[in-house]
Each structure stands twice: as C-alpha cells, then as structure tokens.
Amino acid sequence: MAKKFQIAKEKKVAGTAAANFLGDSKEVIKNNISINEELKQLIPALQQEEFEQLENNILKEGLREPILIWKHEGKYILVDGHNRYAITQKHHLHFDFRLLEFKNLEEAKDWMINNQLGRRNLTDEQRAYLIGMRYEREKGSHGGNRKNLPVEEGAVVQKTEERLAEEYKTSPKSIRNNAEFAKGLDVIGDQNPELKASILTGDTKVRKSDVQKLAKAEVKKPIESVEDITKIVQKKTTPTKKVAKALSPSDLLKKEINQRLKKINAKSEDGEFELLQEMIIKLQKSYH
C-alpha cells in the first residue's frame, strides 16, 4: 500500500494551550515565524495572476485557513502557507496557525512534497517536478538498501516507480522521466533560481526532454536562458567525429594483405596466393 505520509501530528494552538505546550505565547510565536529556504524551494511558485487573485481574496475575506508551522531546534518554521503568510505580513493582517510535529527535516520534506501534490492548480511542470522528487526520495528509503529489509512471506515487493505509477495513473517510465526532469531543474536552480521558477510556473517554455538530458550533462557555463540549456544538451548528444588517420604505405599494404587473405580463405584461388606472396616480399623490403 502506498505510503500516505500521515506523519504530522497537528496541535491547535490558542492562548494558554500554546503557552503550556511551547512555553511561548501565541503572539510570540506569530512574531517569530521563520522561513527555511530549503523547505521553501519545495513550494511551487504561483503565477503572478494567481498571486494577485489570492491577495484580493484574502483582503476581502481574510485568511480562512491557518498556516502550518513546525517547531524545530527552537525555531517556528513555516511549512505550508508561504504565499498567504507573505500577504498577511504585507498588509498587517490577522492570521491563525497550527503546529505540526515531524521527527526531522527529511520527514518534513516528505510531508510537504505530498501535501503540494494534493493541490489542484499545479502546472504540468510543477506536478512532474514534485512526483520526480518524491520518487527519488522514496526510492531506497533515502539511499538505504531495501534488499536487506525483511519481507513477509508471500508478499509482492513492488518497485517505487511501479507503486507511484499506479497512484498517479501513469507508467513507470513516466515516473523515471519525471525524476530526471526534477534533477535537471535542480541543476538549473543551482545557477539560476529565477529561471527554474519561471519554468515551473509555465511562464518560460522549454522542452521537457532537454531538461531531462541536463541532469546528466556536464555544465561548465552559466545557465542564463533556455538557449543555454539547448546548447548544453545538444553538445552532449552530438557525436564526436573521428578524424581519419592517414595510413603509411606499409600499413596500407598490411590492410590489403588482410583483404587478400580473406579472399583466399573464401575462394582458395591460386592467383590470389601468388599476389599475396608478392605483397609479403614488398612488406619485408619496406622494413629494410
């Protein structure tokens, strides 16, 4: 059965309950929310029109859903509601929050990826990226060796790509392609976060296959545009032409001898044998 990521225990925080649980008042928590950049990267950016629509809705109706926070190493880290939180801070609006508990940062990432995949307004690029990241993270249990894990008798061991393919109603090959797409986008993001975000929102168009190839390409120059991506992957896929080396007279003679030998083996003609003897004599003389 697919892992459901029901790993976060929610705790509603209000007034005295917050103080008892955390030692901090509700207002202290709200005034000390921090943004973890590594976690923020897991939140697909909204297109400008979507952000403006969200902003208008919040200004008219207020923030209807609480933002979600994780207390980790003494910090109150935002794990869901980054755009809503930014809008409340911009306009000094009231907001509520809930606390989630995770064992560690990796568990928080897993929850965030799965939570984002539940959104309805994802672009095709965002969906592929998130599925690709989920596949890479679940494959081998974050790098562990699943072959050594105990398996119940009669149980069918299903590959991660097959399990996710069933869940998202696609093929295992598509899951693997999404993983390469995610890796390629991360290569872009390491050098050009704005371009990565623009590709994910669909504002910048690029061939998905080019991004997949970028995952295995050697990137030596900065990636500033889609044209740079195309140049890198074309350079990677263009076969190197072998320059024909000029043969010396003796090498040419050896080559012809080999061809004659093949004819002798095939036809057993006396004339061929005589020609071969002459060639061998010439070859011997070339070394003196």
Protein backbone atom coordinates (compact mmCIF):
# COMPACT_ATOMS: atom_id res chain seq x y z
CA MET A 1 0.00 0.00 0.00
CA ALA A 2 1.30 3.44 -0.90
CA LYS A 3 2.73 5.46 1.88
CA LYS A 4 0.19 8.13 2.85
CA PHE A 5 2.58 10.42 4.69
CA GLN A 6 0.29 10.71 7.67
CA ILE A 7 3.31 11.60 9.70
CA ALA A 8 2.41 15.03 11.02
CA LYS A 9 0.52 15.32 14.27
CA GLU A 10 -1.42 18.54 14.33
CA LYS A 11 -1.81 20.56 17.51
CA LYS A 12 -4.16 23.53 17.57
CA VAL A 13 -2.54 26.38 19.42
CA ALA A 14 -4.56 29.08 21.15
CA GLY A 15 -3.88 31.24 24.18
CA THR A 16 -2.97 29.25 27.29
CA ALA A 17 -2.68 25.98 25.37
CA ALA A 18 0.16 27.48 23.34
CA ALA A 19 1.97 28.66 26.44
CA ASN A 20 1.66 25.28 28.14
CA PHE A 21 2.84 23.34 25.10
CA LEU A 22 5.65 25.54 23.90
CA GLY A 23 6.41 27.96 26.69
CA ASP A 24 5.67 30.84 24.29
CA SER A 25 2.51 32.85 23.84
CA LYS A 26 0.57 32.77 20.61
CA GLU A 27 1.70 36.29 19.71
CA VAL A 28 5.35 35.46 20.42
CA ILE A 29 5.11 32.51 18.04
CA LYS A 30 3.44 34.59 15.32
CA ASN A 31 6.13 37.24 15.61
CA ASN A 32 8.96 34.72 15.32
CA ILE A 33 7.96 32.60 12.32
CA SER A 34 10.99 31.82 10.17
CA ILE A 35 11.38 30.74 6.55
CA ASN A 36 13.63 27.78 5.83
CA GLU A 37 14.92 28.33 2.27
CA GLU A 38 15.46 24.61 1.69
CA LEU A 39 11.82 23.91 2.57
CA LYS A 40 10.57 26.96 0.70
CA GLN A 41 12.05 25.52 -2.52
CA LEU A 42 9.52 22.68 -2.24
CA ILE A 43 6.62 25.12 -2.57
CA PRO A 44 5.69 25.68 -6.26
CA ALA A 45 5.54 29.38 -7.03
CA LEU A 46 2.28 30.95 -8.09
CA GLN A 47 1.92 32.74 -11.39
CA GLN A 48 1.55 36.49 -10.97
CA GLU A 49 -2.17 36.40 -11.76
CA GLU A 50 -2.72 33.62 -9.23
CA PHE A 51 -0.87 35.51 -6.52
CA GLU A 52 -2.85 38.68 -7.20
CA GLN A 53 -6.11 36.73 -7.08
CA LEU A 54 -5.13 35.15 -3.76
CA GLU A 55 -4.17 38.56 -2.41
CA ASN A 56 -7.54 40.07 -3.43
CA ASN A 57 -9.43 37.15 -1.86
CA ILE A 58 -7.58 37.50 1.43
CA LEU A 59 -8.11 41.27 1.52
CA LYS A 60 -11.85 40.76 1.01
CA GLU A 61 -12.47 37.68 3.14
CA GLY A 62 -9.48 37.41 5.44
CA LEU A 63 -7.31 34.33 5.84
CA ARG A 64 -9.77 31.44 6.06
CA GLU A 65 -7.23 28.64 6.58
CA PRO A 66 -4.47 28.63 9.20
CA ILE A 67 -0.86 28.50 8.10
CA LEU A 68 1.11 25.46 9.29
CA ILE A 69 4.23 25.71 11.44
CA TRP A 70 6.83 23.25 12.71
CA LYS A 71 8.83 23.93 15.86
CA HIS A 72 12.36 22.71 15.17
CA GLU A 73 15.51 23.46 17.16
CA GLY A 74 13.84 26.37 18.90
CA LYS A 75 12.54 27.92 15.67
CA TYR A 76 8.98 28.21 14.37
CA ILE A 77 9.38 27.17 10.75
CA LEU A 78 6.71 27.75 8.12
CA VAL A 79 5.86 24.51 6.27
CA ASP A 80 2.63 25.45 4.47
CA GLY A 81 1.07 28.80 3.55
CA HIS A 82 4.11 30.73 2.36
CA ASN A 83 2.14 32.90 -0.07
CA ARG A 84 -0.69 33.53 2.40
CA TYR A 85 1.81 34.41 5.12
CA ALA A 86 3.60 36.86 2.81
CA ILE A 87 0.30 38.60 2.06
CA THR A 88 -0.66 38.89 5.73
CA GLN A 89 2.73 40.42 6.51
CA LYS A 90 2.47 42.85 3.61
CA HIS A 91 -0.93 44.13 4.73
CA HIS A 92 -0.55 43.55 8.51
CA LEU A 93 -3.49 41.13 8.61
CA HIS A 94 -4.56 38.77 11.38
CA PHE A 95 -3.91 35.07 10.80
CA ASP A 96 -4.22 31.79 12.67
CA PHE A 97 -1.77 28.91 12.66
CA ARG A 98 -1.47 25.27 13.59
CA LEU A 99 1.57 23.36 14.74
CA LEU A 100 2.81 20.18 13.10
CA GLU A 101 5.31 17.71 14.52
CA PHE A 102 7.98 15.94 12.49
CA LYS A 103 10.85 13.71 13.58
CA ASN A 104 13.37 15.53 11.42
CA LEU A 105 13.88 17.73 8.38
CA GLU A 106 13.59 14.80 5.94
CA GLU A 107 10.19 13.84 7.31
CA ALA A 108 9.07 17.46 6.97
CA LYS A 109 10.18 17.47 3.33
CA ASP A 110 8.27 14.26 2.59
CA TRP A 111 5.11 15.72 4.07
CA MET A 112 5.47 18.98 2.15
CA ILE A 113 6.01 17.26 -1.21
CA ASN A 114 3.00 15.02 -0.75
CA ASN A 115 0.91 17.92 0.52
CA GLN A 116 1.76 20.03 -2.53
CA LEU A 117 0.87 17.15 -4.86
CA GLY A 118 -2.65 17.38 -3.45
CA ARG A 119 -3.10 20.86 -4.91
CA ARG A 120 -5.42 21.19 -7.89
CA ASN A 121 -3.81 24.21 -9.52
CA LEU A 122 -0.40 22.70 -10.25
CA THR A 123 1.11 23.22 -13.68
CA ASP A 124 2.24 20.12 -15.58
CA GLU A 125 5.83 21.13 -14.85
CA GLN A 126 5.22 21.52 -11.12
CA ARG A 127 3.45 18.18 -10.91
CA ALA A 128 6.23 16.38 -12.81
CA TYR A 129 8.86 18.03 -10.61
CA LEU A 130 7.15 17.05 -7.35
CA ILE A 131 6.50 13.47 -8.47
CA GLY A 132 10.13 13.20 -9.59
CA MET A 133 11.35 14.44 -6.21
CA ARG A 134 9.04 12.07 -4.37
CA TYR A 135 10.31 9.13 -6.43
CA GLU A 136 13.95 9.96 -5.72
CA ARG A 137 13.29 10.38 -2.00
CA GLU A 138 11.26 7.20 -1.60
CA LYS A 139 13.49 5.07 -3.82
CA GLY A 140 15.69 3.08 -1.49
CA SER A 141 14.32 4.86 1.59
CA HIS A 142 16.57 7.92 1.14
CA GLY A 143 19.51 5.86 -0.04
CA GLY A 144 19.04 2.76 2.11
CA ASN A 145 19.28 -0.79 0.82
CA ARG A 146 15.75 -2.13 0.58
CA LYS A 147 17.01 -5.58 -0.40
CA ASN A 148 18.07 -6.15 3.20
CA LEU A 149 14.67 -5.25 4.61
CA PRO A 150 12.52 -8.14 5.88
CA VAL A 151 9.66 -9.14 3.57
CA GLU A 152 6.58 -11.01 4.74
CA GLU A 153 6.14 -14.46 3.26
CA GLY A 154 4.04 -14.31 0.09
CA ALA A 155 4.29 -10.51 -0.11
CA VAL A 156 4.93 -8.96 -3.51
CA VAL A 157 7.82 -6.47 -3.49
CA GLN A 158 6.77 -3.58 -5.71
CA LYS A 159 9.24 -1.14 -7.17
CA THR A 160 8.84 2.50 -6.20
CA GLU A 161 8.28 3.52 -9.83
CA GLU A 162 5.52 0.92 -10.19
CA ARG A 163 3.80 1.96 -6.97
CA LEU A 164 3.85 5.64 -7.85
CA ALA A 165 2.76 4.87 -11.42
CA GLU A 166 -0.35 3.19 -10.05
CA GLU A 167 -1.01 6.06 -7.64
CA TYR A 168 -0.69 8.77 -10.29
CA LYS A 169 -2.21 6.69 -13.11
CA THR A 170 0.80 6.81 -15.39
CA SER A 171 3.63 4.49 -16.46
CA PRO A 172 6.82 3.58 -14.56
CA LYS A 173 8.79 5.12 -17.42
CA SER A 174 6.99 8.44 -16.90
CA ILE A 175 7.89 8.32 -13.20
CA ARG A 176 11.57 7.82 -14.08
CA ASN A 177 11.39 10.63 -16.64
CA ASN A 178 9.89 12.92 -14.00
CA ALA A 179 12.84 12.10 -11.74
CA GLU A 180 15.30 13.13 -14.47
CA PHE A 181 13.23 16.26 -15.06
CA ALA A 182 13.45 17.12 -11.36
CA LYS A 183 17.22 16.58 -11.34
CA GLY A 184 17.64 18.75 -14.44
CA LEU A 185 15.56 21.54 -12.93
CA ASP A 186 17.68 21.42 -9.78
CA VAL A 187 20.78 21.86 -11.96
CA ILE A 188 19.14 24.97 -13.42
CA GLY A 189 18.05 26.16 -9.98
CA ASP A 190 21.56 25.90 -8.56
CA GLN A 191 22.68 28.56 -11.05
CA ASN A 192 19.50 30.41 -11.91
CA PRO A 193 16.64 30.09 -9.38
CA GLU A 194 14.53 32.63 -11.30
CA LEU A 195 14.68 30.56 -14.50
CA LYS A 196 13.77 27.39 -12.61
CA ALA A 197 10.76 29.12 -11.03
CA SER A 198 9.68 30.51 -14.40
CA ILE A 199 9.85 27.05 -16.00
CA LEU A 200 7.79 25.56 -13.17
CA THR A 201 5.06 28.18 -13.46
CA GLY A 202 4.92 27.66 -17.22
CA ASP A 203 5.94 31.25 -18.00
CA THR A 204 9.13 30.02 -19.67
CA LYS A 205 8.72 27.20 -22.16
CA VAL A 206 11.42 24.56 -22.56
CA ARG A 207 11.39 21.02 -23.89
CA LYS A 208 10.99 18.58 -21.05
CA SER A 209 13.42 16.19 -22.78
CA ASP A 210 16.12 18.90 -22.75
CA VAL A 211 15.72 19.39 -19.00
CA GLN A 212 15.93 15.61 -18.52
CA LYS A 213 19.17 15.44 -20.52
CA LEU A 214 20.57 18.31 -18.50
CA ALA A 215 20.51 16.05 -15.43
CA LYS A 216 23.43 14.05 -16.86
CA ALA A 217 25.17 16.79 -18.81
CA GLU A 218 28.43 18.45 -17.84
CA VAL A 219 27.57 22.08 -17.16
CA LYS A 220 30.61 24.36 -17.37
CA LYS A 221 28.99 27.68 -18.30
CA PRO A 222 26.25 29.66 -16.50
CA ILE A 223 22.67 28.87 -17.48
CA GLU A 224 21.02 32.20 -18.19
CA SER A 225 18.33 31.22 -20.69
CA VAL A 226 16.53 28.37 -22.47
CA GLU A 227 19.02 28.81 -25.33
CA ASP A 228 21.85 27.95 -22.93
CA ILE A 229 20.03 24.75 -21.93
CA THR A 230 19.60 23.80 -25.59
CA LYS A 231 23.28 24.39 -26.36
CA ILE A 232 24.41 22.26 -23.41
CA VAL A 233 22.24 19.25 -24.25
CA GLN A 234 22.98 19.47 -27.99
CA LYS A 235 26.69 19.47 -27.22
CA LYS A 236 26.18 16.42 -25.02
CA THR A 237 24.22 14.46 -27.65
CA THR A 238 26.29 15.44 -30.72
CA PRO A 239 28.61 12.52 -31.53
CA THR A 240 32.29 13.35 -31.82
CA LYS A 241 33.51 12.80 -35.36
CA LYS A 242 36.60 10.64 -35.58
CA VAL A 243 39.32 12.11 -37.74
CA ALA A 244 40.61 9.52 -40.17
CA LYS A 245 44.31 8.90 -39.63
CA ALA A 246 46.46 8.75 -42.76
CA LEU A 247 47.92 5.27 -43.22
CA SER A 248 51.57 4.74 -44.05
CA PRO A 249 52.50 2.72 -47.20
CA SER A 250 53.34 -0.32 -45.06
CA ASP A 251 50.02 -0.06 -43.19
CA LEU A 252 48.16 0.16 -46.48
CA LEU A 253 50.00 -2.95 -47.64
CA LYS A 254 49.07 -4.81 -44.44
CA LYS A 255 45.47 -3.85 -44.94
CA GLU A 256 45.46 -5.18 -48.50
CA ILE A 257 47.17 -8.41 -47.37
CA ASN A 258 44.41 -9.00 -44.86
CA GLN A 259 41.81 -8.45 -47.55
CA ARG A 260 43.59 -10.92 -49.86
CA LEU A 261 43.78 -13.49 -47.06
CA LYS A 262 40.05 -13.29 -46.66
CA LYS A 263 39.58 -13.91 -50.38
CA ILE A 264 41.95 -16.91 -50.27
CA ASN A 265 40.01 -18.41 -47.38
CA ALA A 266 36.77 -17.85 -49.21
CA LYS A 267 37.74 -18.93 -52.77
CA SER A 268 41.11 -20.74 -52.47
CA GLU A 269 42.28 -19.23 -55.77
CA ASP A 270 45.95 -19.78 -56.82
CA GLY A 271 46.20 -16.32 -58.38
CA GLU A 272 45.33 -14.67 -55.12
CA PHE A 273 48.02 -16.68 -53.32
CA GLU A 274 50.70 -15.53 -55.77
CA LEU A 275 49.70 -11.89 -55.38
CA LEU A 276 49.84 -12.33 -51.62
CA GLN A 277 53.42 -13.66 -51.82
CA GLU A 278 54.49 -10.60 -53.80
CA MET A 279 52.91 -8.28 -51.25
CA ILE A 280 54.66 -10.00 -48.36
CA ILE A 281 58.02 -9.57 -50.13
CA LYS A 282 57.29 -5.85 -50.62
CA LEU A 283 56.35 -5.54 -46.97
CA GLN A 284 59.59 -7.19 -45.87
CA LYS A 285 61.61 -4.81 -48.05
CA SER A 286 59.83 -1.79 -46.53
CA TYR A 287 61.36 -2.64 -43.16
CA HIS A 288 64.97 -2.68 -44.55
